[in-house]
C-alpha atoms as a PDB file:
ATOM      1  CA  MET A   1      28.238  -8.173  30.320  1.00  0.00           C
ATOM      2  CA  THR A   2      31.657  -9.161  28.978  1.00  0.00           C
ATOM      3  CA  ASN A   3      32.800 -12.264  27.063  1.00  0.00           C
ATOM      4  CA  VAL A   4      34.806 -14.826  29.740  1.00  0.00           C
ATOM      5  CA  HIS A   5      37.771 -14.938  27.309  1.00  0.00           C
ATOM      6  CA  SER A   6      38.474 -11.448  28.252  1.00  0.00           C
ATOM      7  CA  ALA A   7      39.752 -11.643  31.925  1.00  0.00           C
ATOM      8  CA  PRO A   8      42.731 -13.213  32.845  1.00  0.00           C
ATOM      9  CA  GLU A   9      42.836 -17.035  33.119  1.00  0.00           C
ATOM     10  CA  PRO A  10      42.014 -18.391  36.991  1.00  0.00           C
ATOM     11  CA  ALA A  11      43.980 -20.993  38.928  1.00  0.00           C
ATOM     12  CA  LEU A  12      40.903 -22.205  40.444  1.00  0.00           C
ATOM     13  CA  VAL A  13      37.112 -21.035  40.091  1.00  0.00           C
ATOM     14  CA  PRO A  14      34.961 -22.226  42.913  1.00  0.00           C
ATOM     15  CA  GLU A  15      31.688 -22.487  42.662  1.00  0.00           C
ATOM     16  CA  LEU A  16      29.263 -21.150  45.289  1.00  0.00           C
ATOM     17  CA  LEU A  17      25.819 -22.385  46.123  1.00  0.00           C
ATOM     18  CA  VAL A  18      23.798 -19.395  47.831  1.00  0.00           C
ATOM     19  CA  THR A  19      19.909 -18.850  48.840  1.00  0.00           C
ATOM     20  CA  SER A  20      19.830 -15.858  46.533  1.00  0.00           C
ATOM     21  CA  LEU A  21      21.699 -14.915  43.369  1.00  0.00           C
ATOM     22  CA  VAL A  22      20.433 -11.042  43.617  1.00  0.00           C
ATOM     23  CA  LYS A  23      21.176 -10.682  47.371  1.00  0.00           C
ATOM     24  CA  SER A  24      24.822 -12.450  46.405  1.00  0.00           C
ATOM     25  CA  LEU A  25      25.347 -10.508  42.936  1.00  0.00           C
ATOM     26  CA  ASP A  26      24.516  -7.141  45.066  1.00  0.00           C
ATOM     27  CA  PHE A  27      27.376  -8.133  47.100  1.00  0.00           C
ATOM     28  CA  TRP A  28      29.887  -9.820  44.485  1.00  0.00           C
ATOM     29  CA  CYS A  29      29.397  -6.757  41.808  1.00  0.00           C
ATOM     30  CA  GLY A  30      28.156  -3.738  44.006  1.00  0.00           C
ATOM     31  CA  LEU A  31      30.373  -4.192  47.018  1.00  0.00           C
ATOM     32  CA  SER A  32      33.568  -6.254  45.845  1.00  0.00           C
ATOM     33  CA  GLY A  33      33.701  -4.543  42.006  1.00  0.00           C
ATOM     34  CA  PHE A  34      33.287  -8.221  40.121  1.00  0.00           C
ATOM     35  CA  GLU A  35      31.502  -8.432  36.724  1.00  0.00           C
ATOM     36  CA  VAL A  36      28.851 -10.831  35.783  1.00  0.00           C
ATOM     37  CA  GLN A  37      31.176 -12.294  32.908  1.00  0.00           C
ATOM     38  CA  TYR A  38      28.186 -14.655  31.797  1.00  0.00           C
ATOM     39  CA  ASP A  39      24.834 -15.632  33.338  1.00  0.00           C
ATOM     40  CA  ARG A  40      22.045 -18.116  32.925  1.00  0.00           C
ATOM     41  CA  PRO A  41      18.692 -16.234  35.636  1.00  0.00           C
ATOM     42  CA  ASP A  42      16.322 -18.587  34.482  1.00  0.00           C
ATOM     43  CA  GLU A  43      18.787 -20.592  36.198  1.00  0.00           C
ATOM     44  CA  GLY A  44      19.926 -18.752  39.000  1.00  0.00           C
ATOM     45  CA  PHE A  45      23.573 -19.154  37.306  1.00  0.00           C
ATOM     46  CA  ALA A  46      26.348 -16.294  37.006  1.00  0.00           C
ATOM     47  CA  TYR A  47      29.931 -16.543  36.077  1.00  0.00           C
ATOM     48  CA  ILE A  48      31.382 -13.479  38.088  1.00  0.00           C
ATOM     49  CA  ALA A  49      35.156 -12.249  37.486  1.00  0.00           C
ATOM     50  CA  ARG A  50      37.405  -9.372  38.789  1.00  0.00           C
ATOM     51  CA  GLY A  51      40.883 -10.171  37.681  1.00  0.00           C
ATOM     52  CA  ALA A  52      41.828 -13.067  37.801  1.00  0.00           C
ATOM     53  CA  ALA A  53      39.591 -13.936  40.504  1.00  0.00           C
ATOM     54  CA  HIS A  54      36.550 -16.039  38.908  1.00  0.00           C
ATOM     55  CA  VAL A  55      33.685 -17.187  41.175  1.00  0.00           C
ATOM     56  CA  MET A  56      30.602 -19.259  39.837  1.00  0.00           C
ATOM     57  CA  ILE A  57      27.028 -18.554  42.141  1.00  0.00           C
ATOM     58  CA  GLU A  58      24.826 -20.728  41.863  1.00  0.00           C
ATOM     59  CA  GLN A  59      20.955 -20.102  42.933  1.00  0.00           C
ATOM     60  CA  ARG A  60      19.973 -23.293  45.548  1.00  0.00           C
ATOM     61  CA  ALA A  61      16.811 -25.409  44.360  1.00  0.00           C
ATOM     62  CA  VAL A  62      16.430 -23.134  41.375  1.00  0.00           C
ATOM     63  CA  GLY A  63      18.719 -24.590  38.497  1.00  0.00           C
ATOM     64  CA  ARG A  64      20.962 -27.723  38.271  1.00  0.00           C
ATOM     65  CA  ASN A  65      21.952 -28.013  41.490  1.00  0.00           C
END
């Protein structure tokens, strides 16, 4: 895991509500080349980035959603 401030500044950061954080991270990080910048696994949340493309992923019915 790296520091959020090491990635380029994003113009927009969408937050996606998903049914499975694990499966979503497998897709985004495993297949699409994103890296976790910050996460709160107990809350089902991860902030990921690939260059200037940043996305927040939150598992439905686990965290603050």
